[in-house]
Amino acid sequence: MSCKYCKGKCQKAGKQKNGTLRLFCTSCKKYQQAVYRKVACQTGINQQIKDLLCEGVGIRGISRVLRIAIGTVLRRIKALAAGAARPAIVGAHLSPEVDELWTYVGRKANEYWIAYALDHQTRGVVDFIVGKRTKGTLKTLIDVLLAAHPKIIRTDNLPHYQRLIPKGLHRAGAYCINRIERKNLTIRTHLKRLSRRTIGFSRDVGMLENCLRIYFWR
């Protein structure tokens, strides 16, 4: 058998505790198996998790489709989210649209809001934050945008924005955020936990943030 890592020649090296034949590569000195019983060890499983997550499949659905444990899916999502880096913000051509998306965590009485900024030109998500719909939550997001020195910032008529964004940079109105409003519909379609009428919902704020990081910046 050829080595899975370097394509070198492998030789028999005993058996695993479960009785599976173990192989040893004479070139790269790595041990391996011809067939793995655990599907999570297969190459490309992380990409499949990302693809399924971003196409509206829930955590338990991913577990059933890929035949891996729910705990493994959760750990992989956390690891993938940690590796999803926020894109660099270029202020010279930045003109973001800012809006909020309502959801809940655990139960409907526990409301949360996803506030995020969408680049008006590239339609890419610049940054986001999950929290209550308060001035303090929105200020965290607006401060990141102001630090990049954007040309203008487009929002709706929520009074909080008028207090956080300088008048010279602020454009407010229903027609100023057409693109991000359309993005809201796409997000609700793609992420099961954000659909309006579904039994799938977030049980943990951290997992909600991890799923958004993967969806926005995968």
N, C-alpha and C. Protein backbone atom coordinates (compact mmCIF):
# COMPACT_ATOMS: atom_id res chain seq x y z
N MET A 1 0.84 -1.20 0.00
CA MET A 1 0.00 0.00 0.00
C MET A 1 0.87 1.25 0.00
N SER A 2 0.43 2.28 -0.71
CA SER A 2 1.14 3.55 -0.73
C SER A 2 0.76 4.40 0.47
N CYS A 3 1.70 5.20 0.95
CA CYS A 3 1.47 6.06 2.10
C CYS A 3 0.48 7.17 1.74
N LYS A 4 -0.41 7.49 2.65
CA LYS A 4 -1.40 8.53 2.42
C LYS A 4 -0.79 9.92 2.50
N TYR A 5 0.42 10.03 3.07
CA TYR A 5 1.03 11.33 3.28
C TYR A 5 2.10 11.66 2.23
N CYS A 6 2.97 10.68 1.94
CA CYS A 6 4.07 10.94 1.01
C CYS A 6 4.08 10.01 -0.19
N LYS A 7 3.11 9.09 -0.29
CA LYS A 7 3.01 8.13 -1.38
C LYS A 7 4.16 7.14 -1.40
N GLY A 8 4.86 7.02 -0.27
CA GLY A 8 5.93 6.05 -0.17
C GLY A 8 5.39 4.64 0.06
N LYS A 9 6.30 3.70 0.28
CA LYS A 9 5.90 2.31 0.46
C LYS A 9 5.66 2.03 1.93
N CYS A 10 4.55 1.35 2.23
CA CYS A 10 4.20 1.00 3.61
C CYS A 10 4.40 -0.49 3.84
N GLN A 11 4.69 -0.83 5.09
CA GLN A 11 4.83 -2.22 5.47
C GLN A 11 3.98 -2.50 6.71
N LYS A 12 3.65 -3.75 6.93
CA LYS A 12 2.83 -4.11 8.06
C LYS A 12 3.55 -3.83 9.37
N ALA A 13 2.78 -3.33 10.35
CA ALA A 13 3.38 -2.98 11.65
C ALA A 13 2.44 -3.38 12.79
N GLY A 14 1.94 -4.63 12.73
CA GLY A 14 1.08 -5.11 13.80
C GLY A 14 -0.36 -4.69 13.61
N LYS A 15 -1.10 -4.69 14.72
CA LYS A 15 -2.51 -4.36 14.68
C LYS A 15 -2.86 -3.36 15.78
N GLN A 16 -3.95 -2.60 15.55
CA GLN A 16 -4.48 -1.70 16.55
C GLN A 16 -5.21 -2.51 17.63
N LYS A 17 -5.64 -1.85 18.69
CA LYS A 17 -6.36 -2.52 19.75
C LYS A 17 -7.68 -3.11 19.28
N ASN A 18 -8.28 -2.49 18.25
CA ASN A 18 -9.54 -2.99 17.72
C ASN A 18 -9.35 -4.08 16.67
N GLY A 19 -8.12 -4.48 16.43
CA GLY A 19 -7.85 -5.55 15.48
C GLY A 19 -7.56 -5.09 14.07
N THR A 20 -7.60 -3.79 13.79
CA THR A 20 -7.35 -3.28 12.45
C THR A 20 -5.85 -3.29 12.15
N LEU A 21 -5.50 -3.70 10.94
CA LEU A 21 -4.10 -3.76 10.53
C LEU A 21 -3.47 -2.37 10.53
N ARG A 22 -2.28 -2.27 11.14
CA ARG A 22 -1.55 -1.00 11.18
C ARG A 22 -0.39 -1.06 10.21
N LEU A 23 -0.15 0.06 9.52
CA LEU A 23 0.90 0.15 8.52
C LEU A 23 1.92 1.22 8.90
N PHE A 24 3.17 1.03 8.47
CA PHE A 24 4.25 1.97 8.76
C PHE A 24 4.93 2.37 7.46
N CYS A 25 5.04 3.69 7.24
CA CYS A 25 5.69 4.20 6.03
C CYS A 25 7.20 4.27 6.25
N THR A 26 7.97 3.65 5.39
CA THR A 26 9.43 3.65 5.53
C THR A 26 10.06 4.97 5.10
N SER A 27 9.29 5.81 4.43
CA SER A 27 9.83 7.09 3.95
C SER A 27 9.61 8.22 4.95
N CYS A 28 8.33 8.47 5.32
CA CYS A 28 8.02 9.58 6.24
C CYS A 28 7.90 9.12 7.69
N LYS A 29 8.03 7.80 7.94
CA LYS A 29 8.03 7.25 9.30
C LYS A 29 6.71 7.48 10.04
N LYS A 30 5.60 7.44 9.32
CA LYS A 30 4.29 7.65 9.95
C LYS A 30 3.48 6.36 9.93
N TYR A 31 2.75 6.16 11.04
CA TYR A 31 1.85 5.02 11.13
C TYR A 31 0.46 5.41 10.59
N GLN A 32 -0.22 4.45 10.02
CA GLN A 32 -1.54 4.71 9.46
C GLN A 32 -2.30 3.40 9.28
N GLN A 33 -3.55 3.53 8.85
CA GLN A 33 -4.39 2.37 8.58
C GLN A 33 -4.89 2.41 7.15
N ALA A 34 -5.14 1.24 6.60
CA ALA A 34 -5.68 1.19 5.24
C ALA A 34 -7.12 1.68 5.22
N VAL A 35 -7.88 1.33 6.25
CA VAL A 35 -9.28 1.73 6.36
C VAL A 35 -9.54 2.20 7.77
N TYR A 36 -10.14 3.38 7.92
CA TYR A 36 -10.48 3.92 9.22
C TYR A 36 -11.96 3.71 9.50
N ARG A 37 -12.25 3.22 10.69
CA ARG A 37 -13.64 3.03 11.07
C ARG A 37 -14.31 4.35 11.42
N LYS A 38 -13.56 5.28 11.93
CA LYS A 38 -14.08 6.58 12.29
C LYS A 38 -14.14 7.49 11.06
N VAL A 39 -15.34 7.88 10.65
CA VAL A 39 -15.50 8.70 9.45
C VAL A 39 -14.88 10.08 9.63
N ALA A 40 -14.84 10.58 10.86
CA ALA A 40 -14.31 11.92 11.11
C ALA A 40 -12.84 12.05 10.76
N CYS A 41 -12.12 10.93 10.62
CA CYS A 41 -10.70 10.96 10.26
C CYS A 41 -10.47 11.11 8.77
N GLN A 42 -11.51 11.01 7.98
CA GLN A 42 -11.34 11.06 6.54
C GLN A 42 -10.96 12.46 6.06
N THR A 43 -10.24 12.50 4.96
CA THR A 43 -9.83 13.77 4.38
C THR A 43 -11.04 14.51 3.80
N GLY A 44 -11.12 15.80 4.06
CA GLY A 44 -12.20 16.62 3.52
C GLY A 44 -13.43 16.70 4.37
N ILE A 45 -13.42 16.08 5.55
CA ILE A 45 -14.62 16.09 6.39
C ILE A 45 -14.91 17.49 6.91
N ASN A 46 -13.87 18.28 7.18
CA ASN A 46 -14.09 19.65 7.65
C ASN A 46 -14.78 20.50 6.59
N GLN A 47 -14.39 20.31 5.34
CA GLN A 47 -15.02 21.07 4.25
C GLN A 47 -16.49 20.69 4.11
N GLN A 48 -16.79 19.42 4.30
CA GLN A 48 -18.18 18.98 4.23
C GLN A 48 -19.01 19.58 5.36
N ILE A 49 -18.42 19.68 6.54
CA ILE A 49 -19.13 20.29 7.67
C ILE A 49 -19.44 21.75 7.36
N LYS A 50 -18.48 22.48 6.81
CA LYS A 50 -18.71 23.89 6.47
C LYS A 50 -19.79 24.03 5.39
N ASP A 51 -19.72 23.19 4.38
CA ASP A 51 -20.69 23.27 3.29
C ASP A 51 -22.10 22.97 3.79
N LEU A 52 -22.25 21.94 4.60
CA LEU A 52 -23.57 21.58 5.11
C LEU A 52 -24.10 22.65 6.06
N LEU A 53 -23.22 23.19 6.90
CA LEU A 53 -23.63 24.23 7.84
C LEU A 53 -24.15 25.46 7.11
N CYS A 54 -23.49 25.83 6.03
CA CYS A 54 -23.86 27.03 5.28
C CYS A 54 -25.01 26.80 4.30
N GLU A 55 -25.51 25.58 4.24
CA GLU A 55 -26.65 25.28 3.38
C GLU A 55 -27.89 24.90 4.18
N GLY A 56 -27.94 25.33 5.43
CA GLY A 56 -29.15 25.18 6.22
C GLY A 56 -29.28 23.89 6.99
N VAL A 57 -28.23 23.08 7.07
CA VAL A 57 -28.29 21.83 7.82
C VAL A 57 -27.89 22.09 9.26
N GLY A 58 -28.68 21.61 10.21
CA GLY A 58 -28.38 21.81 11.61
C GLY A 58 -27.29 20.89 12.12
N ILE A 59 -26.92 21.06 13.39
CA ILE A 59 -25.84 20.27 13.99
C ILE A 59 -26.19 18.78 13.94
N ARG A 60 -27.38 18.43 14.38
CA ARG A 60 -27.79 17.02 14.38
C ARG A 60 -27.95 16.49 12.96
N GLY A 61 -28.36 17.35 12.04
CA GLY A 61 -28.45 16.93 10.64
C GLY A 61 -27.08 16.60 10.07
N ILE A 62 -26.08 17.43 10.38
CA ILE A 62 -24.71 17.15 9.93
C ILE A 62 -24.21 15.84 10.51
N SER A 63 -24.54 15.61 11.78
CA SER A 63 -24.14 14.36 12.43
C SER A 63 -24.74 13.15 11.73
N ARG A 64 -26.01 13.25 11.35
CA ARG A 64 -26.66 12.12 10.68
C ARG A 64 -26.12 11.90 9.27
N VAL A 65 -25.95 12.99 8.53
CA VAL A 65 -25.51 12.87 7.13
C VAL A 65 -24.09 12.32 7.04
N LEU A 66 -23.19 12.84 7.88
CA LEU A 66 -21.78 12.43 7.82
C LEU A 66 -21.46 11.23 8.70
N ARG A 67 -22.44 10.81 9.51
CA ARG A 67 -22.28 9.66 10.40
C ARG A 67 -21.12 9.85 11.38
N ILE A 68 -21.08 11.02 11.99
CA ILE A 68 -20.12 11.30 13.05
C ILE A 68 -20.88 11.83 14.27
N ALA A 69 -20.25 11.76 15.42
CA ALA A 69 -20.90 12.12 16.67
C ALA A 69 -21.20 13.61 16.73
N ILE A 70 -22.25 13.97 17.46
CA ILE A 70 -22.62 15.38 17.61
C ILE A 70 -21.51 16.15 18.29
N GLY A 71 -20.89 15.55 19.30
CA GLY A 71 -19.78 16.22 19.99
C GLY A 71 -18.62 16.51 19.05
N THR A 72 -18.36 15.60 18.12
CA THR A 72 -17.30 15.83 17.14
C THR A 72 -17.65 16.98 16.22
N VAL A 73 -18.91 17.06 15.80
CA VAL A 73 -19.36 18.17 14.94
C VAL A 73 -19.17 19.50 15.67
N LEU A 74 -19.56 19.55 16.94
CA LEU A 74 -19.43 20.79 17.71
C LEU A 74 -17.96 21.20 17.85
N ARG A 75 -17.09 20.25 18.12
CA ARG A 75 -15.66 20.57 18.26
C ARG A 75 -15.07 21.04 16.94
N ARG A 76 -15.48 20.40 15.86
CA ARG A 76 -14.95 20.82 14.55
C ARG A 76 -15.43 22.23 14.18
N ILE A 77 -16.68 22.55 14.50
CA ILE A 77 -17.21 23.88 14.19
C ILE A 77 -16.44 24.95 14.98
N LYS A 78 -16.15 24.67 16.24
CA LYS A 78 -15.37 25.62 17.05
C LYS A 78 -13.98 25.82 16.47
N ALA A 79 -13.35 24.74 16.04
CA ALA A 79 -12.01 24.85 15.46
C ALA A 79 -12.05 25.60 14.13
N LEU A 80 -13.05 25.33 13.31
CA LEU A 80 -13.16 26.01 12.02
C LEU A 80 -13.44 27.49 12.20
N ALA A 81 -14.25 27.82 13.20
CA ALA A 81 -14.55 29.23 13.47
C ALA A 81 -13.32 29.97 13.95
N ALA A 82 -12.49 29.30 14.75
CA ALA A 82 -11.26 29.93 15.24
C ALA A 82 -10.31 30.24 14.09
N GLY A 83 -10.36 29.46 13.03
CA GLY A 83 -9.49 29.69 11.88
C GLY A 83 -10.06 30.62 10.83
N ALA A 84 -11.31 31.04 11.01
CA ALA A 84 -11.95 31.96 10.06
C ALA A 84 -11.62 33.39 10.46
N ALA A 85 -10.66 33.99 9.80
CA ALA A 85 -10.20 35.33 10.16
C ALA A 85 -11.06 36.41 9.50
N ARG A 86 -11.28 37.48 10.25
CA ARG A 86 -12.01 38.62 9.70
C ARG A 86 -11.19 39.28 8.60
N PRO A 87 -11.79 39.64 7.47
CA PRO A 87 -11.02 40.28 6.40
C PRO A 87 -10.52 41.66 6.80
N ALA A 88 -9.44 42.05 6.18
CA ALA A 88 -8.88 43.38 6.45
C ALA A 88 -9.83 44.46 5.96
N ILE A 89 -9.97 45.51 6.77
CA ILE A 89 -10.87 46.62 6.43
C ILE A 89 -10.07 47.71 5.72
N VAL A 90 -10.42 48.00 4.48
CA VAL A 90 -9.77 49.06 3.71
C VAL A 90 -10.65 50.30 3.76
N GLY A 91 -10.23 51.30 4.52
CA GLY A 91 -11.07 52.45 4.76
C GLY A 91 -11.23 53.40 3.59
N ALA A 92 -10.24 53.42 2.69
CA ALA A 92 -10.28 54.40 1.60
C ALA A 92 -11.49 54.21 0.69
N HIS A 93 -11.93 52.98 0.53
CA HIS A 93 -13.06 52.70 -0.36
C HIS A 93 -14.22 52.07 0.39
N LEU A 94 -14.22 52.16 1.69
CA LEU A 94 -15.24 51.50 2.50
C LEU A 94 -16.46 52.39 2.66
N SER A 95 -17.62 51.85 2.33
CA SER A 95 -18.89 52.54 2.56
C SER A 95 -19.90 51.50 3.03
N PRO A 96 -19.82 51.09 4.28
CA PRO A 96 -20.62 49.95 4.75
C PRO A 96 -22.09 50.30 5.01
N GLU A 97 -22.91 49.29 4.91
CA GLU A 97 -24.29 49.34 5.35
C GLU A 97 -24.38 48.55 6.66
N VAL A 98 -25.10 49.08 7.63
CA VAL A 98 -25.21 48.45 8.95
C VAL A 98 -26.68 48.16 9.25
N ASP A 99 -26.94 46.96 9.74
CA ASP A 99 -28.30 46.59 10.09
C ASP A 99 -28.26 45.53 11.17
N GLU A 100 -29.45 45.21 11.73
CA GLU A 100 -29.54 44.21 12.80
C GLU A 100 -30.49 43.10 12.36
N LEU A 101 -30.21 41.91 12.88
CA LEU A 101 -30.99 40.72 12.57
C LEU A 101 -31.45 40.11 13.89
N TRP A 102 -32.77 39.94 14.05
CA TRP A 102 -33.30 39.42 15.31
C TRP A 102 -33.23 37.90 15.37
N THR A 103 -32.91 37.37 16.54
CA THR A 103 -32.96 35.94 16.78
C THR A 103 -33.13 35.72 18.28
N TYR A 104 -33.07 34.48 18.70
CA TYR A 104 -33.15 34.18 20.13
C TYR A 104 -32.25 32.98 20.43
N VAL A 105 -31.88 32.85 21.68
CA VAL A 105 -30.99 31.78 22.13
C VAL A 105 -31.67 31.03 23.27
N GLY A 106 -31.89 29.75 23.10
CA GLY A 106 -32.49 28.94 24.15
C GLY A 106 -34.00 28.96 24.14
N ARG A 107 -34.58 30.13 24.23
CA ARG A 107 -36.04 30.29 24.19
C ARG A 107 -36.35 31.66 23.60
N LYS A 108 -37.58 31.83 23.11
CA LYS A 108 -37.93 33.05 22.39
C LYS A 108 -37.92 34.29 23.28
N ALA A 109 -38.08 34.09 24.58
CA ALA A 109 -38.03 35.24 25.48
C ALA A 109 -36.62 35.79 25.62
N ASN A 110 -35.62 34.99 25.28
CA ASN A 110 -34.22 35.40 25.39
C ASN A 110 -33.75 35.96 24.05
N GLU A 111 -34.11 37.20 23.77
CA GLU A 111 -33.83 37.81 22.47
C GLU A 111 -32.37 38.24 22.34
N TYR A 112 -31.84 38.03 21.14
CA TYR A 112 -30.51 38.51 20.78
C TYR A 112 -30.58 39.15 19.40
N TRP A 113 -29.62 40.03 19.13
CA TRP A 113 -29.56 40.71 17.84
C TRP A 113 -28.18 40.52 17.23
N ILE A 114 -28.16 40.28 15.93
CA ILE A 114 -26.90 40.18 15.19
C ILE A 114 -26.74 41.48 14.41
N ALA A 115 -25.87 42.33 14.87
CA ALA A 115 -25.58 43.59 14.17
C ALA A 115 -24.32 43.38 13.32
N TYR A 116 -24.42 43.69 12.04
CA TYR A 116 -23.26 43.47 11.18
C TYR A 116 -23.18 44.56 10.11
N ALA A 117 -22.00 44.67 9.53
CA ALA A 117 -21.73 45.68 8.51
C ALA A 117 -21.40 45.00 7.19
N LEU A 118 -22.04 45.45 6.13
CA LEU A 118 -21.85 44.90 4.78
C LEU A 118 -21.24 45.96 3.89
N ASP A 119 -20.14 45.61 3.23
CA ASP A 119 -19.50 46.55 2.31
C ASP A 119 -20.43 46.81 1.13
N HIS A 120 -20.73 48.06 0.86
CA HIS A 120 -21.68 48.43 -0.19
C HIS A 120 -21.18 48.03 -1.58
N GLN A 121 -19.85 48.00 -1.76
CA GLN A 121 -19.29 47.70 -3.08
C GLN A 121 -19.10 46.20 -3.30
N THR A 122 -18.39 45.55 -2.39
CA THR A 122 -18.07 44.12 -2.56
C THR A 122 -19.15 43.20 -2.02
N ARG A 123 -20.04 43.73 -1.17
CA ARG A 123 -21.11 42.97 -0.53
C ARG A 123 -20.57 41.89 0.40
N GLY A 124 -19.35 42.08 0.86
CA GLY A 124 -18.77 41.19 1.85
C GLY A 124 -19.02 41.72 3.25
N VAL A 125 -19.13 40.82 4.22
CA VAL A 125 -19.37 41.22 5.61
C VAL A 125 -18.06 41.70 6.22
N VAL A 126 -18.07 42.93 6.70
CA VAL A 126 -16.88 43.54 7.28
C VAL A 126 -16.67 43.09 8.72
N ASP A 127 -17.71 43.15 9.52
CA ASP A 127 -17.62 42.75 10.92
C ASP A 127 -19.04 42.53 11.45
N PHE A 128 -19.15 41.84 12.58
CA PHE A 128 -20.45 41.62 13.19
C PHE A 128 -20.29 41.47 14.70
N ILE A 129 -21.41 41.59 15.41
CA ILE A 129 -21.42 41.40 16.84
C ILE A 129 -22.78 40.84 17.24
N VAL A 130 -22.79 39.97 18.23
CA VAL A 130 -24.02 39.37 18.73
C VAL A 130 -24.26 39.87 20.14
N GLY A 131 -25.45 40.40 20.40
CA GLY A 131 -25.77 40.92 21.72
C GLY A 131 -27.17 41.50 21.76
N LYS A 132 -27.46 42.21 22.82
CA LYS A 132 -28.76 42.86 22.93
C LYS A 132 -28.80 44.10 22.03
N ARG A 133 -30.02 44.53 21.71
CA ARG A 133 -30.16 45.69 20.82
C ARG A 133 -30.05 46.97 21.65
N THR A 134 -28.83 47.25 22.07
CA THR A 134 -28.56 48.42 22.91
C THR A 134 -27.51 49.30 22.25
N LYS A 135 -27.37 50.49 22.79
CA LYS A 135 -26.38 51.41 22.26
C LYS A 135 -24.97 50.87 22.47
N GLY A 136 -24.75 50.20 23.60
CA GLY A 136 -23.42 49.66 23.88
C GLY A 136 -23.01 48.58 22.88
N THR A 137 -23.94 47.70 22.51
CA THR A 137 -23.64 46.66 21.53
C THR A 137 -23.32 47.26 20.17
N LEU A 138 -24.14 48.21 19.73
CA LEU A 138 -23.92 48.82 18.43
C LEU A 138 -22.65 49.67 18.42
N LYS A 139 -22.31 50.26 19.56
CA LYS A 139 -21.11 51.09 19.63
C LYS A 139 -19.85 50.28 19.35
N THR A 140 -19.82 49.03 19.82
CA THR A 140 -18.66 48.19 19.56
C THR A 140 -18.44 48.00 18.07
N LEU A 141 -19.52 47.79 17.33
CA LEU A 141 -19.41 47.61 15.88
C LEU A 141 -19.08 48.92 15.18
N ILE A 142 -19.74 49.99 15.56
CA ILE A 142 -19.51 51.28 14.91
C ILE A 142 -18.09 51.78 15.14
N ASP A 143 -17.54 51.52 16.32
CA ASP A 143 -16.17 51.96 16.61
C ASP A 143 -15.16 51.28 15.69
N VAL A 144 -15.40 50.01 15.37
CA VAL A 144 -14.51 49.31 14.44
C VAL A 144 -14.58 49.95 13.06
N LEU A 145 -15.76 50.32 12.63
CA LEU A 145 -15.92 50.96 11.32
C LEU A 145 -15.30 52.35 11.29
N LEU A 146 -15.51 53.12 12.34
CA LEU A 146 -14.96 54.48 12.38
C LEU A 146 -13.44 54.46 12.41
N ALA A 147 -12.87 53.42 13.03
CA ALA A 147 -11.40 53.33 13.08
C ALA A 147 -10.80 53.11 11.69
N ALA A 148 -11.60 52.59 10.75
CA ALA A 148 -11.12 52.38 9.39
C ALA A 148 -11.30 53.61 8.51
N HIS A 149 -11.88 54.70 9.04
CA HIS A 149 -12.08 55.96 8.31
C HIS A 149 -12.86 55.74 7.01
N PRO A 150 -14.10 55.26 7.09
CA PRO A 150 -14.89 55.02 5.88
C PRO A 150 -15.37 56.33 5.24
N LYS A 151 -15.82 56.23 3.99
CA LYS A 151 -16.37 57.40 3.30
C LYS A 151 -17.71 57.78 3.91
N ILE A 152 -18.63 56.82 3.98
CA ILE A 152 -19.93 57.04 4.62
C ILE A 152 -20.36 55.73 5.28
N ILE A 153 -21.31 55.82 6.20
CA ILE A 153 -21.90 54.65 6.83
C ILE A 153 -23.40 54.74 6.65
N ARG A 154 -23.99 53.74 6.04
CA ARG A 154 -25.42 53.73 5.75
C ARG A 154 -26.16 52.89 6.80
N THR A 155 -27.24 53.42 7.33
CA THR A 155 -28.05 52.71 8.32
C THR A 155 -29.53 53.01 8.09
N ASP A 156 -30.37 52.37 8.92
CA ASP A 156 -31.78 52.73 8.93
C ASP A 156 -31.98 53.91 9.88
N ASN A 157 -33.20 54.17 10.26
CA ASN A 157 -33.49 55.34 11.10
C ASN A 157 -33.50 55.04 12.60
N LEU A 158 -32.84 53.97 13.01
CA LEU A 158 -32.75 53.67 14.44
C LEU A 158 -32.01 54.82 15.15
N PRO A 159 -32.59 55.39 16.21
CA PRO A 159 -31.98 56.56 16.87
C PRO A 159 -30.58 56.32 17.40
N HIS A 160 -30.25 55.09 17.76
CA HIS A 160 -28.92 54.81 18.30
C HIS A 160 -27.81 55.23 17.34
N TYR A 161 -28.03 55.02 16.04
CA TYR A 161 -26.98 55.34 15.07
C TYR A 161 -26.72 56.83 14.98
N GLN A 162 -27.74 57.63 15.18
CA GLN A 162 -27.56 59.07 15.10
C GLN A 162 -26.65 59.58 16.21
N ARG A 163 -26.62 58.88 17.33
CA ARG A 163 -25.77 59.28 18.45
C ARG A 163 -24.36 58.71 18.34
N LEU A 164 -24.18 57.68 17.53
CA LEU A 164 -22.89 57.00 17.45
C LEU A 164 -22.07 57.40 16.23
N ILE A 165 -22.72 57.84 15.14
CA ILE A 165 -22.02 58.14 13.90
C ILE A 165 -22.04 59.64 13.65
N PRO A 166 -20.89 60.24 13.35
CA PRO A 166 -20.87 61.68 13.03
C PRO A 166 -21.77 62.00 11.85
N LYS A 167 -22.38 63.18 11.89
CA LYS A 167 -23.34 63.56 10.85
C LYS A 167 -22.72 63.57 9.46
N GLY A 168 -21.47 63.96 9.36
CA GLY A 168 -20.83 64.03 8.05
C GLY A 168 -20.65 62.68 7.39
N LEU A 169 -20.65 61.60 8.18
CA LEU A 169 -20.44 60.25 7.65
C LEU A 169 -21.73 59.43 7.57
N HIS A 170 -22.81 59.96 8.12
CA HIS A 170 -24.01 59.15 8.30
C HIS A 170 -25.01 59.39 7.18
N ARG A 171 -25.53 58.30 6.61
CA ARG A 171 -26.65 58.34 5.69
C ARG A 171 -27.71 57.39 6.22
N ALA A 172 -28.90 57.91 6.51
CA ALA A 172 -29.96 57.10 7.12
C ALA A 172 -31.19 57.09 6.24
N GLY A 173 -31.88 55.96 6.22
CA GLY A 173 -33.11 55.85 5.45
C GLY A 173 -33.32 54.43 4.97
N ALA A 174 -34.56 54.13 4.60
CA ALA A 174 -34.89 52.77 4.17
C ALA A 174 -34.17 52.38 2.89
N TYR A 175 -33.94 53.33 1.98
CA TYR A 175 -33.31 53.01 0.71
C TYR A 175 -31.79 53.01 0.79
N CYS A 176 -31.24 53.31 1.95
CA CYS A 176 -29.78 53.32 2.11
C CYS A 176 -29.22 51.94 2.39
N ILE A 177 -30.08 51.01 2.78
CA ILE A 177 -29.59 49.69 3.20
C ILE A 177 -30.27 48.58 2.41
N ASN A 178 -30.52 48.81 1.12
CA ASN A 178 -31.19 47.79 0.31
C ASN A 178 -30.40 46.49 0.23
N ARG A 179 -29.10 46.61 0.09
CA ARG A 179 -28.28 45.41 -0.11
C ARG A 179 -28.18 44.57 1.17
N ILE A 180 -28.06 45.21 2.30
CA ILE A 180 -27.96 44.44 3.54
C ILE A 180 -29.31 43.85 3.92
N GLU A 181 -30.40 44.51 3.55
CA GLU A 181 -31.72 43.94 3.79
C GLU A 181 -31.90 42.67 2.97
N ARG A 182 -31.41 42.68 1.74
CA ARG A 182 -31.46 41.46 0.92
C ARG A 182 -30.55 40.39 1.50
N LYS A 183 -29.42 40.79 2.07
CA LYS A 183 -28.51 39.85 2.70
C LYS A 183 -29.17 39.18 3.90
N ASN A 184 -30.00 39.93 4.62
CA ASN A 184 -30.71 39.35 5.76
C ASN A 184 -31.57 38.16 5.32
N LEU A 185 -32.26 38.30 4.20
CA LEU A 185 -33.09 37.20 3.69
C LEU A 185 -32.25 36.00 3.31
N THR A 186 -31.08 36.25 2.70
CA THR A 186 -30.20 35.15 2.31
C THR A 186 -29.67 34.41 3.53
N ILE A 187 -29.30 35.16 4.56
CA ILE A 187 -28.78 34.53 5.78
C ILE A 187 -29.84 33.64 6.41
N ARG A 188 -31.07 34.15 6.49
CA ARG A 188 -32.14 33.36 7.09
C ARG A 188 -32.45 32.10 6.27
N THR A 189 -32.22 32.16 4.97
CA THR A 189 -32.43 30.99 4.13
C THR A 189 -31.33 29.96 4.31
N HIS A 190 -30.09 30.43 4.46
CA HIS A 190 -28.95 29.52 4.51
C HIS A 190 -28.70 28.93 5.90
N LEU A 191 -28.95 29.68 6.96
CA LEU A 191 -28.68 29.20 8.31
C LEU A 191 -29.98 28.79 8.98
N LYS A 192 -30.12 27.52 9.27
CA LYS A 192 -31.36 26.99 9.82
C LYS A 192 -31.72 27.65 11.13
N ARG A 193 -30.73 27.94 11.96
CA ARG A 193 -30.99 28.51 13.28
C ARG A 193 -31.53 29.93 13.22
N LEU A 194 -31.48 30.56 12.06
CA LEU A 194 -31.99 31.93 11.92
C LEU A 194 -33.28 32.01 11.11
N SER A 195 -33.79 30.87 10.66
CA SER A 195 -35.06 30.88 9.93
C SER A 195 -36.19 31.32 10.85
N ARG A 196 -37.18 31.98 10.30
CA ARG A 196 -38.25 32.56 11.13
C ARG A 196 -39.18 31.49 11.69
N ARG A 197 -39.51 30.48 10.91
CA ARG A 197 -40.42 29.44 11.37
C ARG A 197 -39.69 28.10 11.31
N THR A 198 -39.05 27.72 12.38
CA THR A 198 -38.29 26.49 12.43
C THR A 198 -38.17 26.03 13.88
N ILE A 199 -37.98 24.73 14.06
CA ILE A 199 -37.73 24.21 15.41
C ILE A 199 -36.24 24.19 15.71
N GLY A 200 -35.42 24.57 14.73
CA GLY A 200 -33.98 24.67 14.95
C GLY A 200 -33.63 26.05 15.49
N PHE A 201 -32.88 26.10 16.57
CA PHE A 201 -32.49 27.38 17.15
C PHE A 201 -31.17 27.21 17.89
N SER A 202 -30.55 28.33 18.24
CA SER A 202 -29.27 28.32 18.96
C SER A 202 -29.52 28.10 20.45
N ARG A 203 -28.74 27.23 21.04
CA ARG A 203 -28.81 27.02 22.47
C ARG A 203 -27.68 27.71 23.22
N ASP A 204 -26.71 28.22 22.47
CA ASP A 204 -25.55 28.84 23.08
C ASP A 204 -25.12 30.02 22.20
N VAL A 205 -24.82 31.14 22.83
CA VAL A 205 -24.41 32.34 22.08
C VAL A 205 -23.08 32.11 21.37
N GLY A 206 -22.17 31.40 22.05
CA GLY A 206 -20.87 31.13 21.45
C GLY A 206 -20.98 30.31 20.17
N MET A 207 -21.87 29.30 20.16
CA MET A 207 -22.04 28.49 18.95
C MET A 207 -22.68 29.31 17.84
N LEU A 208 -23.59 30.22 18.19
CA LEU A 208 -24.17 31.11 17.18
C LEU A 208 -23.09 31.97 16.53
N GLU A 209 -22.19 32.52 17.34
CA GLU A 209 -21.09 33.32 16.80
C GLU A 209 -20.16 32.49 15.94
N ASN A 210 -19.89 31.25 16.36
CA ASN A 210 -19.01 30.38 15.56
C ASN A 210 -19.61 30.09 14.19
N CYS A 211 -20.91 29.80 14.15
CA CYS A 211 -21.57 29.52 12.88
C CYS A 211 -21.56 30.75 11.97
N LEU A 212 -21.73 31.93 12.55
CA LEU A 212 -21.70 33.15 11.75
C LEU A 212 -20.30 33.43 11.20
N ARG A 213 -19.28 33.17 12.00
CA ARG A 213 -17.91 33.36 11.51
C ARG A 213 -17.61 32.47 10.31
N ILE A 214 -18.05 31.22 10.40
CA ILE A 214 -17.83 30.29 9.29
C ILE A 214 -18.62 30.73 8.08
N TYR A 215 -19.87 31.15 8.29
CA TYR A 215 -20.71 31.54 7.15
C TYR A 215 -20.20 32.82 6.48
N PHE A 216 -19.81 33.80 7.28
CA PHE A 216 -19.36 35.07 6.72
C PHE A 216 -17.97 34.99 6.11
N TRP A 217 -17.05 34.27 6.75
CA TRP A 217 -15.63 34.36 6.39
C TRP A 217 -15.00 33.01 6.08
N ARG A 218 -15.77 32.03 5.64
CA ARG A 218 -15.17 30.73 5.35
C ARG A 218 -14.32 30.76 4.09
